[in-house]
Amino acid sequence: MQEPVGNCCLCGRIVYCMDGFLNGVYIDNDLYCFPCRKEQPLL
């Protein structure tokens, strides 16, 4: 099951919850997709 959680705060890509696991990273009230999180290691 795939449910949208929100948009990445950097690129705007939709971040999903897939089978109960967040397909992204939530840091300091900001949601990031995995590709953006890898590009911004100091976040």
N, C-alpha and C. Protein backbone atom coordinates (compact mmCIF):
# COMPACT_ATOMS: atom_id res chain seq x y z
N MET A 1 0.84 -1.18 0.00
CA MET A 1 0.00 0.00 0.00
C MET A 1 0.88 1.24 0.00
N GLN A 2 0.49 2.24 -0.74
CA GLN A 2 1.27 3.45 -0.91
C GLN A 2 0.39 4.66 -0.64
N GLU A 3 0.76 5.47 0.36
CA GLU A 3 -0.01 6.65 0.71
C GLU A 3 0.88 7.88 0.68
N PRO A 4 0.46 8.95 0.04
CA PRO A 4 1.26 10.17 0.04
C PRO A 4 1.27 10.81 1.44
N VAL A 5 2.46 11.25 1.86
CA VAL A 5 2.62 11.88 3.17
C VAL A 5 2.76 13.39 3.01
N GLY A 6 3.51 13.80 2.01
CA GLY A 6 3.74 15.23 1.77
C GLY A 6 4.75 15.40 0.66
N ASN A 7 5.19 16.64 0.46
CA ASN A 7 6.16 16.94 -0.59
C ASN A 7 7.53 17.23 0.02
N CYS A 8 8.57 16.85 -0.71
CA CYS A 8 9.95 17.17 -0.30
C CYS A 8 10.09 18.69 -0.26
N CYS A 9 10.70 19.20 0.80
CA CYS A 9 10.81 20.65 0.95
C CYS A 9 11.83 21.26 -0.02
N LEU A 10 12.68 20.44 -0.66
CA LEU A 10 13.66 20.97 -1.60
C LEU A 10 13.21 20.86 -3.05
N CYS A 11 12.75 19.70 -3.48
CA CYS A 11 12.43 19.50 -4.89
C CYS A 11 10.94 19.41 -5.16
N GLY A 12 10.11 19.21 -4.14
CA GLY A 12 8.67 19.14 -4.32
C GLY A 12 8.14 17.76 -4.67
N ARG A 13 9.02 16.76 -4.76
CA ARG A 13 8.59 15.39 -5.06
C ARG A 13 7.70 14.87 -3.95
N ILE A 14 6.68 14.10 -4.32
CA ILE A 14 5.78 13.52 -3.34
C ILE A 14 6.50 12.40 -2.58
N VAL A 15 6.45 12.45 -1.26
CA VAL A 15 7.05 11.42 -0.41
C VAL A 15 5.91 10.53 0.08
N TYR A 16 6.10 9.24 -0.02
CA TYR A 16 5.05 8.27 0.30
C TYR A 16 5.40 7.46 1.55
N CYS A 17 4.37 6.96 2.19
CA CYS A 17 4.49 5.93 3.20
C CYS A 17 4.17 4.63 2.48
N MET A 18 5.13 3.71 2.44
CA MET A 18 4.95 2.47 1.69
C MET A 18 4.95 1.30 2.64
N ASP A 19 3.79 0.65 2.78
CA ASP A 19 3.63 -0.49 3.68
C ASP A 19 4.07 -0.19 5.10
N GLY A 20 3.79 1.03 5.56
CA GLY A 20 4.08 1.41 6.93
C GLY A 20 5.45 2.03 7.15
N PHE A 21 6.25 2.20 6.09
CA PHE A 21 7.58 2.79 6.21
C PHE A 21 7.65 4.08 5.40
N LEU A 22 8.17 5.14 6.00
CA LEU A 22 8.30 6.42 5.33
C LEU A 22 9.39 6.32 4.27
N ASN A 23 9.06 6.69 3.06
CA ASN A 23 10.02 6.62 1.96
C ASN A 23 10.71 7.98 1.82
N GLY A 24 11.27 8.47 2.92
CA GLY A 24 11.95 9.75 2.97
C GLY A 24 12.48 9.97 4.37
N VAL A 25 12.84 11.22 4.65
CA VAL A 25 13.43 11.56 5.95
C VAL A 25 12.73 12.81 6.48
N TYR A 26 12.37 12.77 7.75
CA TYR A 26 11.72 13.89 8.42
C TYR A 26 12.71 14.48 9.43
N ILE A 27 13.18 15.72 9.17
CA ILE A 27 14.18 16.36 10.03
C ILE A 27 13.72 17.78 10.36
N ASP A 28 13.66 18.10 11.63
CA ASP A 28 13.30 19.45 12.09
C ASP A 28 12.07 20.01 11.38
N ASN A 29 10.99 19.26 11.38
CA ASN A 29 9.72 19.66 10.78
C ASN A 29 9.78 19.83 9.27
N ASP A 30 10.82 19.29 8.62
CA ASP A 30 10.93 19.31 7.17
C ASP A 30 10.98 17.89 6.64
N LEU A 31 10.34 17.67 5.50
CA LEU A 31 10.29 16.36 4.87
C LEU A 31 11.17 16.37 3.63
N TYR A 32 12.06 15.37 3.51
CA TYR A 32 12.99 15.27 2.39
C TYR A 32 12.82 13.91 1.73
N CYS A 33 12.91 13.89 0.38
CA CYS A 33 12.98 12.61 -0.31
C CYS A 33 14.42 12.10 -0.16
N PHE A 34 14.63 10.81 -0.37
CA PHE A 34 15.96 10.24 -0.19
C PHE A 34 17.02 10.86 -1.11
N PRO A 35 16.73 11.11 -2.41
CA PRO A 35 17.77 11.73 -3.26
C PRO A 35 18.21 13.11 -2.76
N CYS A 36 17.28 13.95 -2.31
CA CYS A 36 17.65 15.27 -1.78
C CYS A 36 18.42 15.15 -0.48
N ARG A 37 18.05 14.20 0.34
CA ARG A 37 18.75 14.00 1.62
C ARG A 37 20.20 13.59 1.38
N LYS A 38 20.43 12.78 0.35
CA LYS A 38 21.81 12.36 0.03
C LYS A 38 22.63 13.53 -0.49
N GLU A 39 22.00 14.47 -1.19
CA GLU A 39 22.70 15.64 -1.71
C GLU A 39 22.99 16.67 -0.63
N GLN A 40 22.25 16.65 0.47
CA GLN A 40 22.39 17.62 1.55
C GLN A 40 22.80 16.91 2.84
N PRO A 41 24.03 16.39 2.94
CA PRO A 41 24.40 15.57 4.11
C PRO A 41 24.49 16.35 5.42
N LEU A 42 24.56 17.67 5.37
CA LEU A 42 24.71 18.44 6.60
C LEU A 42 23.39 18.84 7.22
N LEU A 43 22.29 18.38 6.69
CA LEU A 43 20.98 18.70 7.25
C LEU A 43 20.74 17.94 8.51
